Amino acid sequence: MIQETKALQSIYVGLDISKQEIEICAINNEGKSLLTFTTSNSRKGFHLLIEKLMHYDQPTFGVESTGPYSGNIIQFLKKINAQIVLTNPFQISRLRDVFSKSVKLIQLMLMLLHKH
């Protein structure tokens, strides 16, 4: 279960998932970057993610629905009753067309989450 010990602020957490690792970026309601790091795409990495976020009030996680690489983290987040927003790869692709190709996937995901 995600702890709400300090409940500093609500945050949006974008997860860019690959076979070996997960790139994580968290922003607050104003869009200010709070945290960026990379962890392994494994149970150990999932626990590290939650450990780093435990001082925030109920994070909202954005996960691009891309198939096998995202399945384990989605199941893990569901087990701890986390709020999850699955982003559509087509939406992300369209945003990338509107913005620069240099804008990272995770930044686009956070834009969608922030509007959510």
C-alpha atoms as a PDB file:
ATOM      1  CA  MET A   1       0.000   0.000   0.000  1.00  0.00           C
ATOM      2  CA  ILE A   2       1.299   3.478  -0.772  1.00  0.00           C
ATOM      3  CA  GLN A   3       1.857   5.261   2.490  1.00  0.00           C
ATOM      4  CA  GLU A   4       0.612   8.784   3.019  1.00  0.00           C
ATOM      5  CA  THR A   5       2.847   9.598   5.973  1.00  0.00           C
ATOM      6  CA  LYS A   6       3.737  13.158   5.074  1.00  0.00           C
ATOM      7  CA  ALA A   7       1.193  13.880   2.326  1.00  0.00           C
ATOM      8  CA  LEU A   8       3.267  16.755   1.011  1.00  0.00           C
ATOM      9  CA  GLN A   9       1.557  17.073  -2.346  1.00  0.00           C
ATOM     10  CA  SER A  10      -0.091  15.093  -5.081  1.00  0.00           C
ATOM     11  CA  ILE A  11       2.208  14.135  -7.920  1.00  0.00           C
ATOM     12  CA  TYR A  12       2.105  12.697 -11.411  1.00  0.00           C
ATOM     13  CA  VAL A  13       4.627   9.977 -12.196  1.00  0.00           C
ATOM     14  CA  GLY A  14       5.480   9.082 -15.782  1.00  0.00           C
ATOM     15  CA  LEU A  15       7.015   5.673 -16.410  1.00  0.00           C
ATOM     16  CA  ASP A  16       8.964   5.009 -19.612  1.00  0.00           C
ATOM     17  CA  ILE A  17       9.320   1.238 -19.603  1.00  0.00           C
ATOM     18  CA  SER A  18      11.777  -0.882 -21.540  1.00  0.00           C
ATOM     19  CA  LYS A  19      12.770  -4.521 -21.238  1.00  0.00           C
ATOM     20  CA  GLN A  20      15.556  -3.901 -18.699  1.00  0.00           C
ATOM     21  CA  GLU A  21      14.695  -0.620 -16.987  1.00  0.00           C
ATOM     22  CA  ILE A  22      12.112   1.994 -16.140  1.00  0.00           C
ATOM     23  CA  GLU A  23      12.796   5.708 -16.488  1.00  0.00           C
ATOM     24  CA  ILE A  24      10.794   7.662 -13.924  1.00  0.00           C
ATOM     25  CA  CYS A  25       9.905  11.337 -13.811  1.00  0.00           C
ATOM     26  CA  ALA A  26       7.574  12.934 -11.260  1.00  0.00           C
ATOM     27  CA  ILE A  27       6.005  16.394 -11.355  1.00  0.00           C
ATOM     28  CA  ASN A  28       3.724  18.323  -9.012  1.00  0.00           C
ATOM     29  CA  ASN A  29       0.432  20.084  -9.831  1.00  0.00           C
ATOM     30  CA  GLU A  30       2.311  23.095 -11.172  1.00  0.00           C
ATOM     31  CA  GLY A  31       4.333  20.932 -13.553  1.00  0.00           C
ATOM     32  CA  LYS A  32       7.560  21.346 -11.574  1.00  0.00           C
ATOM     33  CA  SER A  33       9.926  18.388 -11.820  1.00  0.00           C
ATOM     34  CA  LEU A  34      10.305  16.740  -8.421  1.00  0.00           C
ATOM     35  CA  LEU A  35      12.197  13.563  -9.141  1.00  0.00           C
ATOM     36  CA  THR A  36      13.871  11.734 -12.008  1.00  0.00           C
ATOM     37  CA  PHE A  37      15.666   8.422 -11.832  1.00  0.00           C
ATOM     38  CA  THR A  38      16.013   5.058 -13.512  1.00  0.00           C
ATOM     39  CA  THR A  39      15.472   1.664 -11.918  1.00  0.00           C
ATOM     40  CA  SER A  40      15.379  -1.919 -13.097  1.00  0.00           C
ATOM     41  CA  ASN A  41      12.221  -3.383 -14.607  1.00  0.00           C
ATOM     42  CA  SER A  42      11.996  -5.940 -11.799  1.00  0.00           C
ATOM     43  CA  ARG A  43      10.281  -6.438  -8.456  1.00  0.00           C
ATOM     44  CA  LYS A  44      13.313  -4.875  -6.739  1.00  0.00           C
ATOM     45  CA  GLY A  45      13.009  -1.841  -9.020  1.00  0.00           C
ATOM     46  CA  PHE A  46       9.261  -1.566  -8.346  1.00  0.00           C
ATOM     47  CA  HIS A  47       9.888  -1.487  -4.598  1.00  0.00           C
ATOM     48  CA  LEU A  48      12.562   1.191  -5.050  1.00  0.00           C
ATOM     49  CA  LEU A  49      10.034   3.276  -6.991  1.00  0.00           C
ATOM     50  CA  ILE A  50       7.491   3.081  -4.167  1.00  0.00           C
ATOM     51  CA  GLU A  51      10.161   3.764  -1.553  1.00  0.00           C
ATOM     52  CA  LYS A  52      11.165   6.999  -3.314  1.00  0.00           C
ATOM     53  CA  LEU A  53       7.527   8.115  -3.581  1.00  0.00           C
ATOM     54  CA  MET A  54       6.236   7.152  -0.143  1.00  0.00           C
ATOM     55  CA  HIS A  55       6.312  10.732   1.180  1.00  0.00           C
ATOM     56  CA  TYR A  56       3.860  11.984  -1.433  1.00  0.00           C
ATOM     57  CA  ASP A  57       0.099  11.827  -1.299  1.00  0.00           C
ATOM     58  CA  GLN A  58      -1.313   9.137  -3.627  1.00  0.00           C
ATOM     59  CA  PRO A  59       0.740   9.502  -6.825  1.00  0.00           C
ATOM     60  CA  THR A  60      -0.937   9.083 -10.201  1.00  0.00           C
ATOM     61  CA  PHE A  61       1.125   6.834 -12.466  1.00  0.00           C
ATOM     62  CA  GLY A  62       1.138   7.202 -16.237  1.00  0.00           C
ATOM     63  CA  VAL A  63       2.112   4.080 -18.134  1.00  0.00           C
ATOM     64  CA  GLU A  64       2.213   3.751 -21.899  1.00  0.00           C
ATOM     65  CA  SER A  65       0.290   0.625 -22.790  1.00  0.00           C
ATOM     66  CA  THR A  66       2.948  -1.076 -24.893  1.00  0.00           C
ATOM     67  CA  GLY A  67       2.516  -4.739 -24.104  1.00  0.00           C
ATOM     68  CA  PRO A  68       4.852  -7.164 -22.369  1.00  0.00           C
ATOM     69  CA  TYR A  69       7.302  -4.715 -20.790  1.00  0.00           C
ATOM     70  CA  SER A  70       4.633  -2.766 -18.916  1.00  0.00           C
ATOM     71  CA  GLY A  71       2.573  -5.731 -17.680  1.00  0.00           C
ATOM     72  CA  ASN A  72       4.525  -6.505 -14.508  1.00  0.00           C
ATOM     73  CA  ILE A  73       4.705  -2.923 -13.222  1.00  0.00           C
ATOM     74  CA  ILE A  74       0.993  -2.415 -13.952  1.00  0.00           C
ATOM     75  CA  GLN A  75       0.115  -5.534 -11.956  1.00  0.00           C
ATOM     76  CA  PHE A  76       2.396  -4.423  -9.113  1.00  0.00           C
ATOM     77  CA  LEU A  77       0.804  -0.953  -8.999  1.00  0.00           C
ATOM     78  CA  LYS A  78      -2.698  -2.463  -9.024  1.00  0.00           C
ATOM     79  CA  LYS A  79      -1.819  -4.697  -6.065  1.00  0.00           C
ATOM     80  CA  ILE A  80      -0.883  -1.652  -3.990  1.00  0.00           C
ATOM     81  CA  ASN A  81      -4.044   0.209  -5.093  1.00  0.00           C
ATOM     82  CA  ALA A  82      -2.136   2.886  -6.973  1.00  0.00           C
ATOM     83  CA  GLN A  83      -3.952   5.196  -9.356  1.00  0.00           C
ATOM     84  CA  ILE A  84      -2.877   4.267 -12.898  1.00  0.00           C
ATOM     85  CA  VAL A  85      -3.573   6.054 -16.163  1.00  0.00           C
ATOM     86  CA  LEU A  86      -2.772   4.000 -19.242  1.00  0.00           C
ATOM     87  CA  THR A  87      -1.665   6.294 -22.018  1.00  0.00           C
ATOM     88  CA  ASN A  88      -2.402   5.414 -25.588  1.00  0.00           C
ATOM     89  CA  PRO A  89       0.738   5.018 -27.748  1.00  0.00           C
ATOM     90  CA  PHE A  90      -1.144   6.762 -30.573  1.00  0.00           C
ATOM     91  CA  GLN A  91      -1.770   9.824 -28.356  1.00  0.00           C
ATOM     92  CA  ILE A  92       1.891   9.948 -27.406  1.00  0.00           C
ATOM     93  CA  SER A  93       2.887   9.686 -31.065  1.00  0.00           C
ATOM     94  CA  ARG A  94       0.536  12.540 -31.996  1.00  0.00           C
ATOM     95  CA  LEU A  95       1.946  14.729 -29.232  1.00  0.00           C
ATOM     96  CA  ARG A  96       5.446  13.957 -30.442  1.00  0.00           C
ATOM     97  CA  ASP A  97       4.402  15.165 -33.917  1.00  0.00           C
ATOM     98  CA  VAL A  98       3.064  18.425 -32.456  1.00  0.00           C
ATOM     99  CA  PHE A  99       6.121  19.016 -30.308  1.00  0.00           C
ATOM    100  CA  SER A 100       9.725  18.339 -31.150  1.00  0.00           C
ATOM    101  CA  LYS A 101      11.017  14.853 -31.876  1.00  0.00           C
ATOM    102  CA  SER A 102      13.588  15.610 -29.165  1.00  0.00           C
ATOM    103  CA  VAL A 103      10.887  15.731 -26.479  1.00  0.00           C
ATOM    104  CA  LYS A 104      11.213  12.534 -24.486  1.00  0.00           C
ATOM    105  CA  LEU A 105       8.372  10.042 -24.248  1.00  0.00           C
ATOM    106  CA  ILE A 106       8.165  10.516 -20.506  1.00  0.00           C
ATOM    107  CA  GLN A 107       7.688  14.286 -20.871  1.00  0.00           C
ATOM    108  CA  LEU A 108       4.792  13.735 -23.265  1.00  0.00           C
ATOM    109  CA  MET A 109       3.228  11.247 -20.872  1.00  0.00           C
ATOM    110  CA  LEU A 110       3.446  13.769 -18.045  1.00  0.00           C
ATOM    111  CA  MET A 111       1.702  16.372 -20.218  1.00  0.00           C
ATOM    112  CA  LEU A 112      -1.200  13.950 -20.674  1.00  0.00           C
ATOM    113  CA  LEU A 113      -1.301  13.096 -16.970  1.00  0.00           C
ATOM    114  CA  HIS A 114      -1.231  16.719 -15.910  1.00  0.00           C
ATOM    115  CA  LYS A 115      -4.333  17.367 -18.041  1.00  0.00           C
ATOM    116  CA  HIS A 116      -6.058  14.246 -16.650  1.00  0.00           C
END
